[in-house]
PDB file of N, CA and C in Angstrom:
ATOM      1  N   MET A   1     185.221 140.967 225.360  1.00  0.00           N
ATOM      2  CA  MET A   1     184.618 141.913 226.325  1.00  0.00           C
ATOM      3  C   MET A   1     184.443 141.753 227.677  1.00  0.00           C
ATOM      4  N   ALA A   2     184.339 140.430 227.847  1.00  0.00           N
ATOM      5  CA  ALA A   2     184.114 139.797 229.371  1.00  0.00           C
ATOM      6  C   ALA A   2     185.757 139.925 230.009  1.00  0.00           C
ATOM      7  N   LEU A   3     186.708 139.966 229.667  1.00  0.00           N
ATOM      8  CA  LEU A   3     187.861 140.188 230.129  1.00  0.00           C
ATOM      9  C   LEU A   3     188.278 141.572 230.408  1.00  0.00           C
ATOM     10  N   ALA A   4     187.867 142.365 229.382  1.00  0.00           N
ATOM     11  CA  ALA A   4     187.612 144.163 229.742  1.00  0.00           C
ATOM     12  C   ALA A   4     187.032 144.426 231.294  1.00  0.00           C
ATOM     13  N   GLU A   5     185.721 143.753 231.317  1.00  0.00           N
ATOM     14  CA  GLU A   5     184.606 143.870 232.287  1.00  0.00           C
ATOM     15  C   GLU A   5     185.287 143.083 233.551  1.00  0.00           C
ATOM     16  N   SER A   6     185.916 142.057 233.667  1.00  0.00           N
ATOM     17  CA  SER A   6     186.407 141.803 234.610  1.00  0.00           C
ATOM     18  C   SER A   6     187.834 142.519 235.216  1.00  0.00           C
ATOM     19  N   ILE A   7     188.418 142.769 234.367  1.00  0.00           N
ATOM     20  CA  ILE A   7     189.404 143.502 234.867  1.00  0.00           C
ATOM     21  C   ILE A   7     189.416 144.896 235.398  1.00  0.00           C
ATOM     22  N   ALA A   8     188.174 145.823 234.661  1.00  0.00           N
ATOM     23  CA  ALA A   8     187.693 146.809 235.043  1.00  0.00           C
ATOM     24  C   ALA A   8     186.644 146.679 236.802  1.00  0.00           C
ATOM     25  N   PHE A   9     186.293 145.600 236.869  1.00  0.00           N
ATOM     26  CA  PHE A   9     185.770 145.238 238.140  1.00  0.00           C
ATOM     27  C   PHE A   9     186.768 144.847 239.268  1.00  0.00           C
ATOM     28  N   ALA A  10     187.608 144.288 238.936  1.00  0.00           N
ATOM     29  CA  ALA A  10     188.551 144.280 239.845  1.00  0.00           C
ATOM     30  C   ALA A  10     189.607 145.295 240.324  1.00  0.00           C
ATOM     31  N   LEU A  11     189.801 146.515 239.061  1.00  0.00           N
ATOM     32  CA  LEU A  11     190.396 147.551 239.640  1.00  0.00           C
ATOM     33  C   LEU A  11     189.482 148.540 240.397  1.00  0.00           C
ATOM     34  N   PHE A  12     188.230 148.323 240.129  1.00  0.00           N
ATOM     35  CA  PHE A  12     187.312 149.362 240.825  1.00  0.00           C
ATOM     36  C   PHE A  12     187.271 148.512 242.458  1.00  0.00           C
ATOM     37  N   ALA A  13     187.136 147.269 242.404  1.00  0.00           N
ATOM     38  CA  ALA A  13     186.987 146.807 243.531  1.00  0.00           C
ATOM     39  C   ALA A  13     188.198 146.836 244.679  1.00  0.00           C
ATOM     40  N   MET A  14     189.323 146.719 244.077  1.00  0.00           N
ATOM     41  CA  MET A  14     190.762 147.227 244.893  1.00  0.00           C
ATOM     42  C   MET A  14     190.431 148.713 245.148  1.00  0.00           C
ATOM     43  N   VAL A  15     189.987 149.747 244.354  1.00  0.00           N
ATOM     44  CA  VAL A  15     189.820 150.861 244.695  1.00  0.00           C
ATOM     45  C   VAL A  15     188.729 151.314 245.591  1.00  0.00           C
ATOM     46  N   THR A  16     187.802 150.501 245.769  1.00  0.00           N
ATOM     47  CA  THR A  16     186.707 150.531 246.951  1.00  0.00           C
ATOM     48  C   THR A  16     187.090 149.979 248.358  1.00  0.00           C
ATOM     49  N   VAL A  17     187.781 148.814 248.186  1.00  0.00           N
ATOM     50  CA  VAL A  17     188.337 148.278 249.353  1.00  0.00           C
ATOM     51  C   VAL A  17     189.489 149.185 250.040  1.00  0.00           C
ATOM     52  N   GLY A  18     190.251 149.736 248.946  1.00  0.00           N
ATOM     53  CA  GLY A  18     191.582 150.572 249.847  1.00  0.00           C
ATOM     54  C   GLY A  18     191.062 151.840 250.369  1.00  0.00           C
ATOM     55  N   SER A  19     190.279 152.369 249.442  1.00  0.00           N
ATOM     56  CA  SER A  19     189.587 153.770 250.147  1.00  0.00           C
ATOM     57  C   SER A  19     188.745 153.639 251.498  1.00  0.00           C
ATOM     58  N   ALA A  20     188.052 152.523 251.339  1.00  0.00           N
ATOM     59  CA  ALA A  20     187.225 152.056 252.499  1.00  0.00           C
ATOM     60  C   ALA A  20     188.005 151.892 253.492  1.00  0.00           C
ATOM     61  N   ALA A  21     189.232 151.022 253.290  1.00  0.00           N
ATOM     62  CA  ALA A  21     189.998 150.808 254.396  1.00  0.00           C
ATOM     63  C   ALA A  21     190.868 152.088 254.792  1.00  0.00           C
ATOM     64  N   GLY A  22     191.292 153.055 254.175  1.00  0.00           N
ATOM     65  CA  GLY A  22     191.660 154.508 254.308  1.00  0.00           C
ATOM     66  C   GLY A  22     190.619 155.145 255.029  1.00  0.00           C
ATOM     67  N   VAL A  23     189.394 155.189 255.030  1.00  0.00           N
ATOM     68  CA  VAL A  23     188.559 155.956 255.670  1.00  0.00           C
ATOM     69  C   VAL A  23     188.586 155.848 257.427  1.00  0.00           C
ATOM     70  N   VAL A  24     188.967 154.319 257.359  1.00  0.00           N
ATOM     71  CA  VAL A  24     188.932 153.581 258.676  1.00  0.00           C
ATOM     72  C   VAL A  24     190.172 154.134 259.359  1.00  0.00           C
ATOM     73  N   LEU A  25     191.659 153.926 258.786  1.00  0.00           N
ATOM     74  CA  LEU A  25     192.740 153.657 259.202  1.00  0.00           C
ATOM     75  C   LEU A  25     193.356 155.497 259.053  1.00  0.00           C
ATOM     76  N   VAL A  26     193.023 156.235 258.353  1.00  0.00           N
ATOM     77  CA  VAL A  26     193.800 157.682 258.097  1.00  0.00           C
ATOM     78  C   VAL A  26     193.300 158.293 259.532  1.00  0.00           C
ATOM     79  N   ARG A  27     194.282 159.125 259.908  1.00  0.00           N
ATOM     80  CA  ARG A  27     194.311 159.731 261.171  1.00  0.00           C
ATOM     81  C   ARG A  27     193.422 161.410 261.117  1.00  0.00           C
ATOM     82  N   ASP A  28     193.538 161.833 260.054  1.00  0.00           N
ATOM     83  CA  ASP A  28     193.313 162.977 259.438  1.00  0.00           C
ATOM     84  C   ASP A  28     191.737 163.067 259.077  1.00  0.00           C
ATOM     85  N   VAL A  29     190.580 163.747 259.551  1.00  0.00           N
ATOM     86  CA  VAL A  29     189.465 163.738 259.555  1.00  0.00           C
ATOM     87  C   VAL A  29     189.203 164.326 258.019  1.00  0.00           C
ATOM     88  N   TRP A  30     190.108 165.074 257.631  1.00  0.00           N
ATOM     89  CA  TRP A  30     189.780 165.852 256.290  1.00  0.00           C
ATOM     90  C   TRP A  30     189.896 164.616 254.858  1.00  0.00           C
ATOM     91  N   HIS A  31     191.170 164.023 255.146  1.00  0.00           N
ATOM     92  CA  HIS A  31     191.347 163.069 254.094  1.00  0.00           C
ATOM     93  C   HIS A  31     190.409 161.830 253.998  1.00  0.00           C
ATOM     94  N   SER A  32     190.350 161.446 255.584  1.00  0.00           N
ATOM     95  CA  SER A  32     188.975 160.318 255.722  1.00  0.00           C
ATOM     96  C   SER A  32     187.700 160.868 254.888  1.00  0.00           C
ATOM     97  N   ALA A  33     187.268 162.181 255.071  1.00  0.00           N
ATOM     98  CA  ALA A  33     186.107 162.519 254.267  1.00  0.00           C
ATOM     99  C   ALA A  33     186.368 162.061 252.768  1.00  0.00           C
ATOM    100  N   LEU A  34     187.784 162.666 252.207  1.00  0.00           N
ATOM    101  CA  LEU A  34     187.951 162.570 250.523  1.00  0.00           C
ATOM    102  C   LEU A  34     188.071 161.339 250.479  1.00  0.00           C
ATOM    103  N   LEU A  35     188.714 160.400 251.320  1.00  0.00           N
ATOM    104  CA  LEU A  35     188.307 158.726 250.836  1.00  0.00           C
ATOM    105  C   LEU A  35     186.974 158.256 250.963  1.00  0.00           C
ATOM    106  N   LEU A  36     186.380 158.686 251.710  1.00  0.00           N
ATOM    107  CA  LEU A  36     184.864 158.212 251.718  1.00  0.00           C
ATOM    108  C   LEU A  36     184.261 158.866 250.329  1.00  0.00           C
ATOM    109  N   GLY A  37     184.325 159.678 249.867  1.00  0.00           N
ATOM    110  CA  GLY A  37     184.039 160.189 248.263  1.00  0.00           C
ATOM    111  C   GLY A  37     184.424 159.540 247.631  1.00  0.00           C
ATOM    112  N   VAL A  38     185.714 159.255 247.288  1.00  0.00           N
ATOM    113  CA  VAL A  38     186.179 157.841 246.385  1.00  0.00           C
ATOM    114  C   VAL A  38     185.660 156.519 246.665  1.00  0.00           C
ATOM    115  N   SER A  39     185.361 156.204 247.714  1.00  0.00           N
ATOM    116  CA  SER A  39     184.644 155.118 248.154  1.00  0.00           C
ATOM    117  C   SER A  39     183.247 154.836 247.546  1.00  0.00           C
ATOM    118  N   LEU A  40     182.662 156.184 247.662  1.00  0.00           N
ATOM    119  CA  LEU A  40     180.990 156.181 247.212  1.00  0.00           C
ATOM    120  C   LEU A  40     181.159 156.357 245.624  1.00  0.00           C
ATOM    121  N   ILE A  41     181.648 157.149 245.156  1.00  0.00           N
ATOM    122  CA  ILE A  41     181.885 157.397 243.649  1.00  0.00           C
ATOM    123  C   ILE A  41     182.400 155.877 242.943  1.00  0.00           C
ATOM    124  N   SER A  42     183.257 154.861 243.723  1.00  0.00           N
ATOM    125  CA  SER A  42     183.413 153.747 242.935  1.00  0.00           C
ATOM    126  C   SER A  42     182.349 152.619 243.236  1.00  0.00           C
ATOM    127  N   VAL A  43     181.365 152.999 244.094  1.00  0.00           N
ATOM    128  CA  VAL A  43     180.556 152.070 244.385  1.00  0.00           C
ATOM    129  C   VAL A  43     179.395 152.697 242.822  1.00  0.00           C
ATOM    130  N   ALA A  44     179.219 153.556 242.759  1.00  0.00           N
ATOM    131  CA  ALA A  44     178.619 154.126 241.859  1.00  0.00           C
ATOM    132  C   ALA A  44     179.117 153.572 240.365  1.00  0.00           C
ATOM    133  N   VAL A  45     180.359 153.309 240.365  1.00  0.00           N
ATOM    134  CA  VAL A  45     180.876 152.831 239.170  1.00  0.00           C
ATOM    135  C   VAL A  45     180.284 151.092 238.880  1.00  0.00           C
ATOM    136  N   PHE A  46     180.099 150.448 240.110  1.00  0.00           N
ATOM    137  CA  PHE A  46     179.780 149.401 240.100  1.00  0.00           C
ATOM    138  C   PHE A  46     178.179 149.278 239.490  1.00  0.00           C
ATOM    139  N   TYR A  47     177.477 150.221 240.179  1.00  0.00           N
ATOM    140  CA  TYR A  47     175.882 150.475 239.603  1.00  0.00           C
ATOM    141  C   TYR A  47     175.906 150.766 237.969  1.00  0.00           C
ATOM    142  N   VAL A  48     176.930 151.405 237.419  1.00  0.00           N
ATOM    143  CA  VAL A  48     176.936 151.655 236.145  1.00  0.00           C
ATOM    144  C   VAL A  48     177.180 149.826 235.581  1.00  0.00           C
ATOM    145  N   MET A  49     178.335 149.433 235.956  1.00  0.00           N
ATOM    146  CA  MET A  49     178.656 148.170 235.432  1.00  0.00           C
ATOM    147  C   MET A  49     177.307 147.278 235.324  1.00  0.00           C
ATOM    148  N   ASN A  50     176.376 147.244 236.513  1.00  0.00           N
ATOM    149  CA  ASN A  50     175.327 146.419 236.230  1.00  0.00           C
ATOM    150  C   ASN A  50     174.098 147.208 235.756  1.00  0.00           C
ATOM    151  N   GLN A  51     174.371 148.310 234.674  1.00  0.00           N
ATOM    152  CA  GLN A  51     173.492 148.835 233.789  1.00  0.00           C
ATOM    153  C   GLN A  51     172.281 149.779 234.885  1.00  0.00           C
ATOM    154  N   ALA A  52     172.589 150.054 235.995  1.00  0.00           N
ATOM    155  CA  ALA A  52     171.462 150.540 236.600  1.00  0.00           C
ATOM    156  C   ALA A  52     171.780 152.187 236.869  1.00  0.00           C
ATOM    157  N   ALA A  53     171.796 152.589 235.926  1.00  0.00           N
ATOM    158  CA  ALA A  53     172.105 154.152 235.912  1.00  0.00           C
ATOM    159  C   ALA A  53     171.445 155.246 236.685  1.00  0.00           C
ATOM    160  N   PHE A  54     170.025 154.854 236.692  1.00  0.00           N
ATOM    161  CA  PHE A  54     169.408 155.304 238.082  1.00  0.00           C
ATOM    162  C   PHE A  54     170.149 155.326 239.112  1.00  0.00           C
ATOM    163  N   VAL A  55     170.334 154.299 239.377  1.00  0.00           N
ATOM    164  CA  VAL A  55     170.844 154.429 240.900  1.00  0.00           C
ATOM    165  C   VAL A  55     172.377 154.823 241.299  1.00  0.00           C
ATOM    166  N   ALA A  56     172.901 154.668 240.135  1.00  0.00           N
ATOM    167  CA  ALA A  56     174.311 155.244 240.096  1.00  0.00           C
ATOM    168  C   ALA A  56     174.092 156.578 240.311  1.00  0.00           C
ATOM    169  N   THR A  57     173.276 157.466 239.551  1.00  0.00           N
ATOM    170  CA  THR A  57     172.839 158.634 239.545  1.00  0.00           C
ATOM    171  C   THR A  57     172.554 159.209 240.894  1.00  0.00           C
ATOM    172  N   MET A  58     171.490 158.341 241.491  1.00  0.00           N
ATOM    173  CA  MET A  58     171.190 159.223 242.918  1.00  0.00           C
ATOM    174  C   MET A  58     172.250 158.701 244.079  1.00  0.00           C
ATOM    175  N   GLN A  59     173.250 157.839 243.815  1.00  0.00           N
ATOM    176  CA  GLN A  59     174.234 157.354 244.819  1.00  0.00           C
ATOM    177  C   GLN A  59     175.353 158.719 244.550  1.00  0.00           C
ATOM    178  N   ILE A  60     175.364 158.945 243.456  1.00  0.00           N
ATOM    179  CA  ILE A  60     176.425 160.218 243.204  1.00  0.00           C
ATOM    180  C   ILE A  60     175.651 161.747 243.791  1.00  0.00           C
ATOM    181  N   LEU A  61     174.210 161.728 243.381  1.00  0.00           N
ATOM    182  CA  LEU A  61     173.561 162.861 243.697  1.00  0.00           C
ATOM    183  C   LEU A  61     173.141 162.953 245.122  1.00  0.00           C
ATOM    184  N   VAL A  62     172.981 161.760 246.149  1.00  0.00           N
ATOM    185  CA  VAL A  62     172.605 161.559 247.364  1.00  0.00           C
ATOM    186  C   VAL A  62     173.543 161.748 248.200  1.00  0.00           C
ATOM    187  N   TYR A  63     174.487 160.378 247.995  1.00  0.00           N
ATOM    188  CA  TYR A  63     175.610 160.369 249.078  1.00  0.00           C
ATOM    189  C   TYR A  63     176.813 161.326 248.817  1.00  0.00           C
ATOM    190  N   VAL A  64     177.377 161.469 247.489  1.00  0.00           N
ATOM    191  CA  VAL A  64     178.538 161.992 247.330  1.00  0.00           C
ATOM    192  C   VAL A  64     178.056 163.613 247.308  1.00  0.00           C
ATOM    193  N   GLY A  65     176.649 164.197 246.474  1.00  0.00           N
ATOM    194  CA  GLY A  65     176.446 165.429 246.904  1.00  0.00           C
ATOM    195  C   GLY A  65     176.135 166.120 247.912  1.00  0.00           C
ATOM    196  N   GLY A  66     175.373 165.099 248.684  1.00  0.00           N
ATOM    197  CA  GLY A  66     174.682 165.480 250.092  1.00  0.00           C
ATOM    198  C   GLY A  66     175.362 165.115 251.181  1.00  0.00           C
ATOM    199  N   VAL A  67     175.585 163.957 251.415  1.00  0.00           N
ATOM    200  CA  VAL A  67     176.046 163.396 252.756  1.00  0.00           C
ATOM    201  C   VAL A  67     177.598 164.008 252.730  1.00  0.00           C
ATOM    202  N   LEU A  68     178.649 163.858 251.818  1.00  0.00           N
ATOM    203  CA  LEU A  68     179.711 164.017 251.735  1.00  0.00           C
ATOM    204  C   LEU A  68     180.080 165.471 251.854  1.00  0.00           C
ATOM    205  N   ILE A  69     179.422 166.593 251.333  1.00  0.00           N
ATOM    206  CA  ILE A  69     179.048 167.959 251.460  1.00  0.00           C
ATOM    207  C   ILE A  69     178.724 168.157 252.925  1.00  0.00           C
ATOM    208  N   LEU A  70     178.030 167.569 253.578  1.00  0.00           N
ATOM    209  CA  LEU A  70     177.959 167.916 255.073  1.00  0.00           C
ATOM    210  C   LEU A  70     178.748 167.482 255.864  1.00  0.00           C
ATOM    211  N   ILE A  71     179.398 166.298 255.801  1.00  0.00           N
ATOM    212  CA  ILE A  71     180.802 165.877 256.412  1.00  0.00           C
ATOM    213  C   ILE A  71     181.733 166.876 256.369  1.00  0.00           C
ATOM    214  N   THR A  72     182.079 167.283 254.831  1.00  0.00           N
ATOM    215  CA  THR A  72     183.068 168.390 254.719  1.00  0.00           C
ATOM    216  C   THR A  72     182.555 169.887 255.618  1.00  0.00           C
ATOM    217  N   PHE A  73     181.457 170.206 255.501  1.00  0.00           N
ATOM    218  CA  PHE A  73     181.193 171.430 256.203  1.00  0.00           C
ATOM    219  C   PHE A  73     181.283 171.059 257.694  1.00  0.00           C
ATOM    220  N   ALA A  74     180.867 170.200 258.198  1.00  0.00           N
ATOM    221  CA  ALA A  74     181.075 169.902 259.480  1.00  0.00           C
ATOM    222  C   ALA A  74     182.470 169.882 259.987  1.00  0.00           C
ATOM    223  N   VAL A  75     183.317 169.151 259.027  1.00  0.00           N
ATOM    224  CA  VAL A  75     184.846 168.960 259.439  1.00  0.00           C
ATOM    225  C   VAL A  75     185.273 170.663 259.269  1.00  0.00           C
ATOM    226  N   MET A  76     185.100 171.644 258.253  1.00  0.00           N
ATOM    227  CA  MET A  76     185.477 172.702 258.356  1.00  0.00           C
ATOM    228  C   MET A  76     185.167 173.576 259.284  1.00  0.00           C
ATOM    229  N   LEU A  77     183.733 173.277 259.818  1.00  0.00           N
ATOM    230  CA  LEU A  77     183.393 174.437 260.969  1.00  0.00           C
ATOM    231  C   LEU A  77     183.911 174.151 262.108  1.00  0.00           C
ATOM    232  N   THR A  78     184.131 172.508 262.416  1.00  0.00           N
ATOM    233  CA  THR A  78     184.334 172.165 264.090  1.00  0.00           C
ATOM    234  C   THR A  78     186.154 172.294 263.813  1.00  0.00           C
ATOM    235  N   ARG A  79     187.044 172.179 262.923  1.00  0.00           N
ATOM    236  CA  ARG A  79     188.246 172.059 263.349  1.00  0.00           C
ATOM    237  C   ARG A  79     188.909 173.416 264.109  1.00  0.00           C
ATOM    238  N   GLU A  80     190.153 173.051 264.844  1.00  0.00           N
ATOM    239  CA  GLU A  80     190.425 174.219 265.623  1.00  0.00           C
ATOM    240  C   GLU A  80     191.478 174.828 264.545  1.00  0.00           C
ATOM    241  N   ASP A  81     191.754 175.991 264.927  1.00  0.00           N
ATOM    242  CA  ASP A  81     192.586 176.833 264.154  1.00  0.00           C
ATOM    243  C   ASP A  81     194.270 176.732 265.037  1.00  0.00           C
ATOM    244  N   GLU A  82     194.988 175.770 264.474  1.00  0.00           N
ATOM    245  CA  GLU A  82     196.369 175.622 264.993  1.00  0.00           C
ATOM    246  C   GLU A  82     197.230 176.682 264.877  1.00  0.00           C
ATOM    247  N   SER A  83     197.018 177.677 263.986  1.00  0.00           N
ATOM    248  CA  SER A  83     197.863 178.685 263.638  1.00  0.00           C
ATOM    249  C   SER A  83     197.859 179.825 265.217  1.00  0.00           C
ATOM    250  N   VAL A  84     196.480 179.775 265.985  1.00  0.00           N
ATOM    251  CA  VAL A  84     196.209 180.549 267.087  1.00  0.00           C
ATOM    252  C   VAL A  84     196.689 180.355 268.160  1.00  0.00           C
ATOM    253  N   ILE A  85     197.571 180.903 268.789  1.00  0.00           N
ATOM    254  CA  ILE A  85     198.319 180.720 269.897  1.00  0.00           C
ATOM    255  C   ILE A  85     197.674 180.993 271.162  1.00  0.00           C
ATOM    256  N   GLU A  86     197.115 180.638 272.023  1.00  0.00           N
ATOM    257  CA  GLU A  86     196.418 181.149 273.310  1.00  0.00           C
ATOM    258  C   GLU A  86     197.513 181.244 274.336  1.00  0.00           C
ATOM    259  N   VAL A  87     197.554 182.631 274.322  1.00  0.00           N
ATOM    260  CA  VAL A  87     198.461 183.099 275.739  1.00  0.00           C
ATOM    261  C   VAL A  87     197.562 183.139 277.143  1.00  0.00           C
ATOM    262  N   THR A  88     197.869 182.728 278.263  1.00  0.00           N
ATOM    263  CA  THR A  88     197.077 182.901 279.142  1.00  0.00           C
ATOM    264  C   THR A  88     197.957 183.933 280.369  1.00  0.00           C
ATOM    265  N   PRO A  89     197.366 184.825 281.066  1.00  0.00           N
ATOM    266  CA  PRO A  89     198.076 185.897 281.786  1.00  0.00           C
ATOM    267  C   PRO A  89     198.576 185.256 283.297  1.00  0.00           C
TER     268      PRO A  89
END
């Protein structure tokens, strides 16, 4: 059982570090927000592994459900429409 837990921890550690690095390195804001969601969900998995289900639930509800949705709305509302070509006379 300890071997399976160690493998799961290593897998989610790689996912967490990779997605956190992607948040910083990706140029597109939309992809960065999605990678932030992956990072926050994988942190919630660590809480579940430590038998802290309430903290994991709050992590998902507050951060993924609240903060990430707020970031998503901000990205969608502030993006410039690239298909509109402005013609000046």
